[in-house]
C-alpha atoms as a PDB file:
ATOM      1  CA  MET A   1      23.350  71.297  26.880  1.00  0.00           C
ATOM      2  CA  LYS A   2      20.829  71.194  23.619  1.00  0.00           C
ATOM      3  CA  ASN A   3      17.393  68.955  24.245  1.00  0.00           C
ATOM      4  CA  GLU A   4      19.339  67.659  27.907  1.00  0.00           C
ATOM      5  CA  PHE A   5      16.103  68.531  29.588  1.00  0.00           C
ATOM      6  CA  LYS A   6      13.073  66.287  28.440  1.00  0.00           C
ATOM      7  CA  PHE A   7       9.884  66.646  28.859  1.00  0.00           C
ATOM      8  CA  ALA A   8       6.338  65.120  29.590  1.00  0.00           C
ATOM      9  CA  ASP A   9       2.721  66.112  27.894  1.00  0.00           C
ATOM     10  CA  LEU A  10       0.248  65.297  29.812  1.00  0.00           C
ATOM     11  CA  HIS A  11      -2.801  65.919  27.338  1.00  0.00           C
ATOM     12  CA  CYS A  12      -1.870  66.552  23.385  1.00  0.00           C
ATOM     13  CA  HIS A  13      -4.276  65.246  20.452  1.00  0.00           C
ATOM     14  CA  PRO A  14      -1.452  63.980  17.599  1.00  0.00           C
ATOM     15  CA  THR A  15      -4.180  61.961  15.916  1.00  0.00           C
ATOM     16  CA  LEU A  16      -6.468  64.659  16.179  1.00  0.00           C
ATOM     17  CA  LYS A  17      -5.884  66.427  12.653  1.00  0.00           C
ATOM     18  CA  THR A  18      -4.371  63.340  11.038  1.00  0.00           C
ATOM     19  CA  TYR A  19      -6.758  60.869  11.405  1.00  0.00           C
ATOM     20  CA  GLY A  20      -9.240  63.595  10.195  1.00  0.00           C
ATOM     21  CA  HIS A  21      -7.095  63.562   6.398  1.00  0.00           C
ATOM     22  CA  SER A  22      -7.619  60.201   6.647  1.00  0.00           C
ATOM     23  CA  PHE A  23     -11.076  60.525   5.371  1.00  0.00           C
ATOM     24  CA  GLU A  24     -10.379  62.564   2.260  1.00  0.00           C
ATOM     25  CA  ASP A  25      -8.265  60.524  -1.060  1.00  0.00           C
ATOM     26  CA  SER A  26      -6.658  63.840  -2.310  1.00  0.00           C
ATOM     27  CA  SER A  27      -2.562  64.353  -2.456  1.00  0.00           C
ATOM     28  CA  TYR A  28      -3.445  66.991   0.353  1.00  0.00           C
ATOM     29  CA  GLY A  29      -5.126  64.382   2.814  1.00  0.00           C
ATOM     30  CA  LEU A  30      -2.790  61.877   2.178  1.00  0.00           C
ATOM     31  CA  LYS A  31       0.285  64.297   3.255  1.00  0.00           C
ATOM     32  CA  ARG A  32      -1.477  65.307   5.984  1.00  0.00           C
ATOM     33  CA  ARG A  33      -2.827  61.573   7.738  1.00  0.00           C
ATOM     34  CA  ASN A  34       0.773  61.313   8.478  1.00  0.00           C
ATOM     35  CA  ILE A  35       1.417  61.418  12.332  1.00  0.00           C
ATOM     36  CA  TRP A  36       4.799  62.626  11.960  1.00  0.00           C
ATOM     37  CA  TYR A  37       3.563  65.553   9.424  1.00  0.00           C
ATOM     38  CA  GLN A  38       4.603  68.718  10.535  1.00  0.00           C
ATOM     39  CA  GLN A  39       2.808  72.021   8.707  1.00  0.00           C
ATOM     40  CA  GLU A  40       5.069  74.825   8.502  1.00  0.00           C
ATOM     41  CA  ASN A  41       4.440  77.333  10.960  1.00  0.00           C
ATOM     42  CA  SER A  42       4.300  80.209   8.616  1.00  0.00           C
ATOM     43  CA  PHE A  43       4.116  84.266   9.594  1.00  0.00           C
ATOM     44  CA  VAL A  44       0.790  84.486   8.205  1.00  0.00           C
ATOM     45  CA  ARG A  45      -0.615  81.279  10.259  1.00  0.00           C
ATOM     46  CA  LYS A  46       1.095  82.715  13.326  1.00  0.00           C
ATOM     47  CA  LEU A  47      -1.006  86.115  12.625  1.00  0.00           C
ATOM     48  CA  ILE A  48      -3.958  84.569  11.954  1.00  0.00           C
ATOM     49  CA  SER A  49      -3.700  82.211  15.222  1.00  0.00           C
ATOM     50  CA  ASN A  50      -2.812  85.369  17.335  1.00  0.00           C
ATOM     51  CA  TYR A  51      -5.520  87.672  16.220  1.00  0.00           C
ATOM     52  CA  LEU A  52      -8.388  85.315  15.024  1.00  0.00           C
ATOM     53  CA  GLY A  53      -7.540  82.375  17.501  1.00  0.00           C
ATOM     54  CA  LEU A  54      -8.029  80.265  14.473  1.00  0.00           C
ATOM     55  CA  THR A  55      -4.273  77.619  14.726  1.00  0.00           C
ATOM     56  CA  LYS A  56      -3.831  76.448  10.835  1.00  0.00           C
ATOM     57  CA  PHE A  57      -0.338  74.717  11.574  1.00  0.00           C
ATOM     58  CA  SER A  58      -0.301  71.520  13.755  1.00  0.00           C
ATOM     59  CA  GLN A  59       1.229  71.660  17.335  1.00  0.00           C
ATOM     60  CA  ALA A  60       0.847  67.689  18.621  1.00  0.00           C
ATOM     61  CA  ASP A  61       2.032  65.859  15.335  1.00  0.00           C
ATOM     62  CA  PHE A  62       4.793  63.774  16.813  1.00  0.00           C
ATOM     63  CA  THR A  63       7.976  65.623  14.908  1.00  0.00           C
ATOM     64  CA  THR A  64       7.158  68.513  17.072  1.00  0.00           C
ATOM     65  CA  LEU A  65       6.897  66.668  19.627  1.00  0.00           C
ATOM     66  CA  LYS A  66      10.388  64.828  19.306  1.00  0.00           C
ATOM     67  CA  ASN A  67      12.237  68.526  18.088  1.00  0.00           C
ATOM     68  CA  GLY A  68      10.817  69.445  21.525  1.00  0.00           C
ATOM     69  CA  ASN A  69      12.415  66.791  23.769  1.00  0.00           C
ATOM     70  CA  VAL A  70       8.945  65.416  24.419  1.00  0.00           C
ATOM     71  CA  LYS A  71       9.580  61.925  26.520  1.00  0.00           C
ATOM     72  CA  ILE A  72       6.476  60.715  27.458  1.00  0.00           C
ATOM     73  CA  VAL A  73       3.125  61.660  25.412  1.00  0.00           C
ATOM     74  CA  THR A  74      -0.332  60.946  26.716  1.00  0.00           C
ATOM     75  CA  ALA A  75      -2.182  60.578  23.143  1.00  0.00           C
ATOM     76  CA  SER A  76      -5.844  61.779  23.898  1.00  0.00           C
ATOM     77  CA  LEU A  77      -8.348  60.140  21.527  1.00  0.00           C
ATOM     78  CA  TYR A  78     -11.492  62.017  21.008  1.00  0.00           C
ATOM     79  CA  PRO A  79     -14.533  61.498  19.315  1.00  0.00           C
ATOM     80  CA  PHE A  80     -15.627  64.666  18.497  1.00  0.00           C
ATOM     81  CA  GLU A  81     -19.394  65.270  19.422  1.00  0.00           C
ATOM     82  CA  LYS A  82     -22.025  65.948  17.137  1.00  0.00           C
ATOM     83  CA  GLY A  83     -23.239  69.338  18.363  1.00  0.00           C
ATOM     84  CA  PHE A  84     -19.959  70.601  17.144  1.00  0.00           C
ATOM     85  CA  PHE A  85     -20.928  70.426  13.529  1.00  0.00           C
ATOM     86  CA  ILE A  86     -24.641  70.108  13.655  1.00  0.00           C
ATOM     87  CA  ASN A  87     -25.737  73.534  14.741  1.00  0.00           C
ATOM     88  CA  SER A  88     -27.730  77.011  13.952  1.00  0.00           C
ATOM     89  CA  LEU A  89     -26.089  76.536  10.334  1.00  0.00           C
ATOM     90  CA  GLY A  90     -27.353  73.266   9.892  1.00  0.00           C
ATOM     91  CA  GLY A  91     -25.738  69.783   9.143  1.00  0.00           C
ATOM     92  CA  GLY A  92     -24.672  69.815   5.853  1.00  0.00           C
ATOM     93  CA  PHE A  93     -21.796  71.172   3.286  1.00  0.00           C
ATOM     94  CA  VAL A  94     -21.794  74.895   4.789  1.00  0.00           C
ATOM     95  CA  SER A  95     -21.867  74.079   8.597  1.00  0.00           C
ATOM     96  CA  ALA A  96     -19.014  71.002   7.673  1.00  0.00           C
ATOM     97  CA  PHE A  97     -17.405  74.055   4.955  1.00  0.00           C
ATOM     98  CA  LEU A  98     -17.063  76.462   7.775  1.00  0.00           C
ATOM     99  CA  ALA A  99     -16.210  74.232  10.542  1.00  0.00           C
ATOM    100  CA  ASN A 100     -13.077  72.697   8.641  1.00  0.00           C
ATOM    101  CA  ILE A 101     -11.894  76.939   8.288  1.00  0.00           C
ATOM    102  CA  ILE A 102     -12.349  76.832  11.917  1.00  0.00           C
ATOM    103  CA  THR A 103     -10.620  73.576  13.074  1.00  0.00           C
ATOM    104  CA  GLY A 104      -8.889  72.316   9.974  1.00  0.00           C
ATOM    105  CA  ILE A 105      -9.662  68.230  10.555  1.00  0.00           C
ATOM    106  CA  SER A 106     -10.690  67.755   6.749  1.00  0.00           C
ATOM    107  CA  TYR A 107     -14.199  68.791   5.573  1.00  0.00           C
ATOM    108  CA  TYR A 108     -14.900  65.067   4.881  1.00  0.00           C
ATOM    109  CA  ARG A 109     -14.162  63.917   8.408  1.00  0.00           C
ATOM    110  CA  ILE A 110     -16.698  66.573   9.213  1.00  0.00           C
ATOM    111  CA  ARG A 111     -19.064  65.341   7.336  1.00  0.00           C
ATOM    112  CA  ASN A 112     -18.209  61.963   8.537  1.00  0.00           C
ATOM    113  CA  ILE A 113     -19.086  62.963  12.130  1.00  0.00           C
ATOM    114  CA  GLN A 114     -22.387  64.977  10.839  1.00  0.00           C
ATOM    115  CA  GLN A 115     -23.263  61.294   9.607  1.00  0.00           C
ATOM    116  CA  HIS A 116     -22.251  58.779  11.714  1.00  0.00           C
ATOM    117  CA  ILE A 117     -24.303  57.597  15.047  1.00  0.00           C
ATOM    118  CA  ASN A 118     -21.809  55.732  16.763  1.00  0.00           C
ATOM    119  CA  TYR A 119     -19.349  57.372  18.926  1.00  0.00           C
ATOM    120  CA  PHE A 120     -17.782  54.157  20.727  1.00  0.00           C
ATOM    121  CA  GLU A 121     -16.711  52.889  16.639  1.00  0.00           C
ATOM    122  CA  ASP A 122     -15.368  56.250  15.827  1.00  0.00           C
ATOM    123  CA  LEU A 123     -13.527  55.763  18.909  1.00  0.00           C
ATOM    124  CA  GLU A 124     -12.210  52.275  17.856  1.00  0.00           C
ATOM    125  CA  LYS A 125     -10.750  53.576  14.291  1.00  0.00           C
ATOM    126  CA  GLU A 126      -8.971  56.458  15.935  1.00  0.00           C
ATOM    127  CA  TYR A 127      -7.366  53.753  18.016  1.00  0.00           C
ATOM    128  CA  TYR A 128      -6.421  51.460  15.004  1.00  0.00           C
ATOM    129  CA  PHE A 129      -5.299  54.481  13.027  1.00  0.00           C
ATOM    130  CA  LEU A 130      -2.953  55.275  15.260  1.00  0.00           C
ATOM    131  CA  LEU A 131      -1.319  51.848  16.363  1.00  0.00           C
ATOM    132  CA  GLU A 132      -1.171  51.772  11.814  1.00  0.00           C
ATOM    133  CA  SER A 133       0.368  54.383  11.557  1.00  0.00           C
ATOM    134  CA  ILE A 134       3.129  53.879  14.224  1.00  0.00           C
ATOM    135  CA  HIS A 135       3.503  50.397  12.657  1.00  0.00           C
ATOM    136  CA  GLN A 136       4.119  52.061   9.164  1.00  0.00           C
ATOM    137  CA  ASN A 137       6.394  54.628  10.003  1.00  0.00           C
ATOM    138  CA  ASN A 138       7.898  54.655  13.889  1.00  0.00           C
ATOM    139  CA  LYS A 139      11.380  56.591  13.272  1.00  0.00           C
ATOM    140  CA  MET A 140      10.926  58.160  16.543  1.00  0.00           C
ATOM    141  CA  GLY A 141      11.145  55.147  18.677  1.00  0.00           C
ATOM    142  CA  LEU A 142       7.561  55.048  20.411  1.00  0.00           C
ATOM    143  CA  PHE A 143       6.070  52.251  22.070  1.00  0.00           C
ATOM    144  CA  PHE A 144       3.136  51.393  24.516  1.00  0.00           C
ATOM    145  CA  PRO A 145       4.635  50.913  28.552  1.00  0.00           C
ATOM    146  CA  LYS A 146       3.424  47.374  29.857  1.00  0.00           C
ATOM    147  CA  LYS A 147       4.484  48.283  33.440  1.00  0.00           C
ATOM    148  CA  SER A 148       6.378  51.279  35.195  1.00  0.00           C
ATOM    149  CA  GLU A 149       9.846  49.828  34.163  1.00  0.00           C
ATOM    150  CA  ASP A 150       9.476  50.541  31.101  1.00  0.00           C
ATOM    151  CA  PHE A 151       9.688  54.168  31.408  1.00  0.00           C
ATOM    152  CA  LYS A 152      12.949  53.700  32.275  1.00  0.00           C
ATOM    153  CA  LEU A 153      13.653  53.115  28.236  1.00  0.00           C
ATOM    154  CA  ILE A 154      12.837  57.091  27.516  1.00  0.00           C
ATOM    155  CA  SER A 155      16.686  57.663  28.812  1.00  0.00           C
ATOM    156  CA  HIS A 156      17.408  56.347  25.319  1.00  0.00           C
ATOM    157  CA  ALA A 157      17.914  58.836  22.249  1.00  0.00           C
ATOM    158  CA  ASN A 158      15.153  57.165  20.357  1.00  0.00           C
ATOM    159  CA  LYS A 159      12.275  56.112  22.541  1.00  0.00           C
ATOM    160  CA  THR A 160       9.471  57.969  23.463  1.00  0.00           C
ATOM    161  CA  ALA A 161       6.648  56.448  26.028  1.00  0.00           C
ATOM    162  CA  VAL A 162       2.860  56.624  24.473  1.00  0.00           C
ATOM    163  CA  ILE A 163       0.068  56.846  27.067  1.00  0.00           C
ATOM    164  CA  LEU A 164      -3.313  57.062  25.878  1.00  0.00           C
ATOM    165  CA  ALA A 165      -6.214  58.517  27.152  1.00  0.00           C
ATOM    166  CA  ILE A 166      -9.561  58.785  26.366  1.00  0.00           C
ATOM    167  CA  GLU A 167     -11.774  62.042  26.215  1.00  0.00           C
ATOM    168  CA  GLY A 168     -15.336  62.573  26.781  1.00  0.00           C
ATOM    169  CA  ALA A 169     -17.602  59.587  28.359  1.00  0.00           C
ATOM    170  CA  HIS A 170     -19.803  60.114  25.622  1.00  0.00           C
ATOM    171  CA  VAL A 171     -17.177  58.032  23.345  1.00  0.00           C
ATOM    172  CA  PHE A 172     -18.771  54.902  25.298  1.00  0.00           C
ATOM    173  CA  ASN A 173     -21.858  55.455  23.129  1.00  0.00           C
ATOM    174  CA  SER A 174     -23.959  58.372  25.350  1.00  0.00           C
ATOM    175  CA  GLY A 175     -25.525  61.488  24.290  1.00  0.00           C
ATOM    176  CA  LEU A 176     -26.662  60.591  21.119  1.00  0.00           C
ATOM    177  CA  LYS A 177     -30.935  60.684  21.612  1.00  0.00           C
ATOM    178  CA  LYS A 178     -31.547  63.641  19.472  1.00  0.00           C
ATOM    179  CA  TYR A 179     -29.397  62.022  16.360  1.00  0.00           C
ATOM    180  CA  GLY A 180     -31.790  58.743  16.785  1.00  0.00           C
ATOM    181  CA  ARG A 181     -29.479  56.652  18.925  1.00  0.00           C
ATOM    182  CA  GLU A 182     -30.703  55.809  22.707  1.00  0.00           C
ATOM    183  CA  THR A 183     -28.254  55.611  25.123  1.00  0.00           C
ATOM    184  CA  VAL A 184     -28.400  51.739  26.155  1.00  0.00           C
ATOM    185  CA  GLU A 185     -27.087  50.941  29.894  1.00  0.00           C
ATOM    186  CA  LYS A 186     -25.542  47.768  28.902  1.00  0.00           C
ATOM    187  CA  GLU A 187     -24.358  48.736  25.620  1.00  0.00           C
ATOM    188  CA  VAL A 188     -22.201  51.551  27.412  1.00  0.00           C
ATOM    189  CA  LEU A 189     -21.460  49.246  30.419  1.00  0.00           C
ATOM    190  CA  GLU A 190     -19.638  47.045  27.806  1.00  0.00           C
ATOM    191  CA  ASN A 191     -18.121  49.347  26.001  1.00  0.00           C
ATOM    192  CA  ILE A 192     -16.198  50.288  29.254  1.00  0.00           C
ATOM    193  CA  TYR A 193     -15.959  47.327  30.617  1.00  0.00           C
ATOM    194  CA  ILE A 194     -15.230  44.603  27.792  1.00  0.00           C
ATOM    195  CA  LYS A 195     -14.840  46.363  24.723  1.00  0.00           C
ATOM    196  CA  LEU A 196     -12.016  48.345  25.915  1.00  0.00           C
ATOM    197  CA  LYS A 197     -10.059  45.179  27.570  1.00  0.00           C
ATOM    198  CA  ILE A 198      -8.378  44.623  24.064  1.00  0.00           C
ATOM    199  CA  GLY A 199      -5.609  42.029  24.821  1.00  0.00           C
ATOM    200  CA  LYS A 200      -6.528  42.730  28.398  1.00  0.00           C
ATOM    201  CA  LEU A 201      -5.211  45.737  29.246  1.00  0.00           C
ATOM    202  CA  LEU A 202      -5.280  47.559  32.193  1.00  0.00           C
ATOM    203  CA  LEU A 203      -7.470  50.242  32.598  1.00  0.00           C
ATOM    204  CA  SER A 204      -8.282  52.606  35.832  1.00  0.00           C
ATOM    205  CA  LEU A 205     -11.067  55.254  35.392  1.00  0.00           C
ATOM    206  CA  SER A 206     -10.103  59.366  36.436  1.00  0.00           C
ATOM    207  CA  LEU A 207     -13.004  61.003  36.800  1.00  0.00           C
ATOM    208  CA  LEU A 208     -12.211  65.060  35.963  1.00  0.00           C
ATOM    209  CA  PRO A 209     -13.732  67.805  38.124  1.00  0.00           C
ATOM    210  CA  ILE A 210     -14.910  68.939  34.780  1.00  0.00           C
ATOM    211  CA  ILE A 211     -17.572  66.885  32.274  1.00  0.00           C
ATOM    212  CA  SER A 212     -15.046  64.866  31.143  1.00  0.00           C
ATOM    213  CA  VAL A 213     -13.662  61.339  31.487  1.00  0.00           C
ATOM    214  CA  MET A 214     -10.424  59.981  31.014  1.00  0.00           C
ATOM    215  CA  ILE A 215      -9.336  56.342  30.936  1.00  0.00           C
ATOM    216  CA  PHE A 216      -5.343  55.892  30.684  1.00  0.00           C
ATOM    217  CA  ALA A 217      -4.624  52.210  29.200  1.00  0.00           C
ATOM    218  CA  VAL A 218      -1.308  50.482  29.293  1.00  0.00           C
ATOM    219  CA  MET A 219      -1.342  49.412  25.774  1.00  0.00           C
ATOM    220  CA  PRO A 220       0.713  46.788  23.824  1.00  0.00           C
ATOM    221  CA  GLU A 221       4.138  47.809  22.852  1.00  0.00           C
ATOM    222  CA  VAL A 222       3.970  48.288  18.869  1.00  0.00           C
END
């Protein structure tokens, strides 16, 4: 039967490009900041992706996830490391323009990454962007499970569980020394143990074998 098999995506970035486009006020940006916006996967875009490795269509927007019958979404919030966009080409508009051709996250978002020196603040902004987007339009029945029993709700056709993950230990404000911000142990610990406990959230830390940290949080239902 169609859509009988259900999926869980253990790691995806439904806000990576949408949050990026929230930094521009053009009609182009307004359309693409929608977490439900699905960019057409045309023949030309497929060729570019297959032969150049540049993915110019959306892969993890919530419409695509819904159409794929994904019922558990582990949405990874990811403040880009500045080093991706401050490189041998510098940290100005040329580097940002070329980087946007590759990433498609918005030129204005890249300029913001080049200039800010607060990863944790960037993380919080992406988090609240997602919450606000769901509040404005929740046609997929997205919800943040509070306890294990809540996952039974995914048996309903219009219910999808969202588990948030944080990718990269740099999000607690480390790795910014070369950009003018020292790593302060007290601040990092506060970001881990205090600021992330929004609404007395239950947090668990999972250290991966690669240089990465993911924190899975049980979030309040939206």
